[in-house]
C-alpha atoms as a PDB file:
ATOM      1  CA  MET A   1     -13.195  -5.350  -6.584  1.00  0.00           C
ATOM      2  CA  THR A   2     -15.954  -5.651  -3.507  1.00  0.00           C
ATOM      3  CA  ILE A   3     -15.438  -3.878  -0.194  1.00  0.00           C
ATOM      4  CA  GLY A   4     -14.423  -7.544   1.217  1.00  0.00           C
ATOM      5  CA  SER A   5     -11.159  -7.856  -1.138  1.00  0.00           C
ATOM      6  CA  LEU A   6     -10.586  -3.980  -0.863  1.00  0.00           C
ATOM      7  CA  GLN A   7      -9.990  -4.708   2.844  1.00  0.00           C
ATOM      8  CA  THR A   8      -8.109  -7.741   2.682  1.00  0.00           C
ATOM      9  CA  ILE A   9      -5.800  -6.701   0.276  1.00  0.00           C
ATOM     10  CA  VAL A  10      -5.375  -3.284   2.082  1.00  0.00           C
ATOM     11  CA  GLU A  11      -4.545  -5.434   5.493  1.00  0.00           C
ATOM     12  CA  HIS A  12      -2.026  -7.611   3.517  1.00  0.00           C
ATOM     13  CA  ILE A  13      -0.141  -4.603   2.809  1.00  0.00           C
ATOM     14  CA  ARG A  14      -0.684  -2.922   5.903  1.00  0.00           C
ATOM     15  CA  GLY A  15       0.732  -5.979   7.691  1.00  0.00           C
ATOM     16  CA  GLU A  16       3.985  -6.289   5.553  1.00  0.00           C
ATOM     17  CA  TYR A  17       5.068  -2.542   6.182  1.00  0.00           C
ATOM     18  CA  MET A  18       4.147  -3.171   9.867  1.00  0.00           C
ATOM     19  CA  GLU A  19       7.052  -6.126   9.356  1.00  0.00           C
ATOM     20  CA  SER A  20       9.339  -3.823   7.381  1.00  0.00           C
ATOM     21  CA  PRO A  21       9.125  -0.324   8.810  1.00  0.00           C
ATOM     22  CA  GLY A  22      11.973   1.070   6.062  1.00  0.00           C
ATOM     23  CA  LEU A  23      10.108  -0.598   3.644  1.00  0.00           C
ATOM     24  CA  ARG A  24       9.826   1.440   0.611  1.00  0.00           C
ATOM     25  CA  LEU A  25       8.074  -0.056  -2.740  1.00  0.00           C
ATOM     26  CA  THR A  26       6.495   1.595  -6.045  1.00  0.00           C
ATOM     27  CA  ALA A  27       3.102   1.082  -7.144  1.00  0.00           C
ATOM     28  CA  TRP A  28       4.218  -1.307  -9.953  1.00  0.00           C
ATOM     29  CA  GLN A  29       6.203  -3.316  -6.986  1.00  0.00           C
ATOM     30  CA  ILE A  30       3.010  -3.260  -5.042  1.00  0.00           C
ATOM     31  CA  GLN A  31       1.394  -4.558  -7.792  1.00  0.00           C
ATOM     32  CA  ARG A  32       3.269  -7.466  -8.485  1.00  0.00           C
ATOM     33  CA  LEU A  33       4.077  -8.106  -4.839  1.00  0.00           C
ATOM     34  CA  TRP A  34       0.115  -8.956  -4.433  1.00  0.00           C
ATOM     35  CA  ASN A  35      -0.781  -9.718  -7.965  1.00  0.00           C
ATOM     36  CA  LEU A  36      -3.061  -6.723  -8.132  1.00  0.00           C
ATOM     37  CA  ASP A  37      -4.411  -5.132 -11.258  1.00  0.00           C
ATOM     38  CA  PRO A  38      -3.137  -1.675 -11.564  1.00  0.00           C
ATOM     39  CA  SER A  39      -6.453  -0.207 -10.686  1.00  0.00           C
ATOM     40  CA  ASP A  40      -6.903  -2.511  -7.927  1.00  0.00           C
ATOM     41  CA  CYS A  41      -2.956  -1.366  -6.615  1.00  0.00           C
ATOM     42  CA  ASP A  42      -4.800   2.469  -6.922  1.00  0.00           C
ATOM     43  CA  VAL A  43      -7.900   1.615  -4.657  1.00  0.00           C
ATOM     44  CA  ALA A  44      -5.623   0.080  -1.865  1.00  0.00           C
ATOM     45  CA  VAL A  45      -2.802   2.558  -2.155  1.00  0.00           C
ATOM     46  CA  ARG A  46      -5.316   5.465  -2.154  1.00  0.00           C
ATOM     47  CA  ALA A  47      -6.581   3.660   1.048  1.00  0.00           C
ATOM     48  CA  LEU A  48      -3.467   3.762   2.870  1.00  0.00           C
ATOM     49  CA  LEU A  49      -2.380   7.182   1.642  1.00  0.00           C
ATOM     50  CA  ASP A  50      -6.045   8.660   2.783  1.00  0.00           C
ATOM     51  CA  ALA A  51      -5.434   6.591   6.013  1.00  0.00           C
ATOM     52  CA  ARG A  52      -2.127   8.696   6.129  1.00  0.00           C
ATOM     53  CA  PHE A  53      -0.353   5.073   6.976  1.00  0.00           C
ATOM     54  CA  LEU A  54       1.348   5.432   3.830  1.00  0.00           C
ATOM     55  CA  ARG A  55       3.274   8.848   2.831  1.00  0.00           C
ATOM     56  CA  GLU A  56       4.363   9.127  -1.234  1.00  0.00           C
ATOM     57  CA  GLU A  57       8.050  10.105  -1.135  1.00  0.00           C
ATOM     58  CA  ARG A  58       9.797  12.256  -3.817  1.00  0.00           C
ATOM     59  CA  ASP A  59      11.178   9.255  -5.973  1.00  0.00           C
ATOM     60  CA  GLY A  60       7.710   7.894  -6.090  1.00  0.00           C
ATOM     61  CA  THR A  61       7.507   4.918  -3.345  1.00  0.00           C
ATOM     62  CA  PHE A  62       5.287   4.539  -0.707  1.00  0.00           C
ATOM     63  CA  ALA A  63       6.808   4.191   2.838  1.00  0.00           C
ATOM     64  CA  ARG A  64       5.026   3.914   6.074  1.00  0.00           C
ATOM     65  CA  ASN A  65       3.798   7.192   8.205  1.00  0.00           C
ATOM     66  CA  GLY A  66       6.708   7.588  10.780  1.00  0.00           C
ATOM     67  CA  ARG A  67       3.781   8.973  13.339  1.00  0.00           C
ATOM     68  CA  ILE A  68       2.012   5.244  12.608  1.00  0.00           C
END
């Protein structure tokens, strides 16, 4: 994945979470929703976690961080 495509994917994921603040998805669901391969999904989710936009819940889902 190129830097540009990573940014595009991250923007799409961020936008979806902004539109639906209560959204909680597993990595597999994120992968399916945006048609990502597992490694690209991991990179995108990690970028959103590192930016503290997403947080990982105990049940393995990813939710928007409440402070954002």
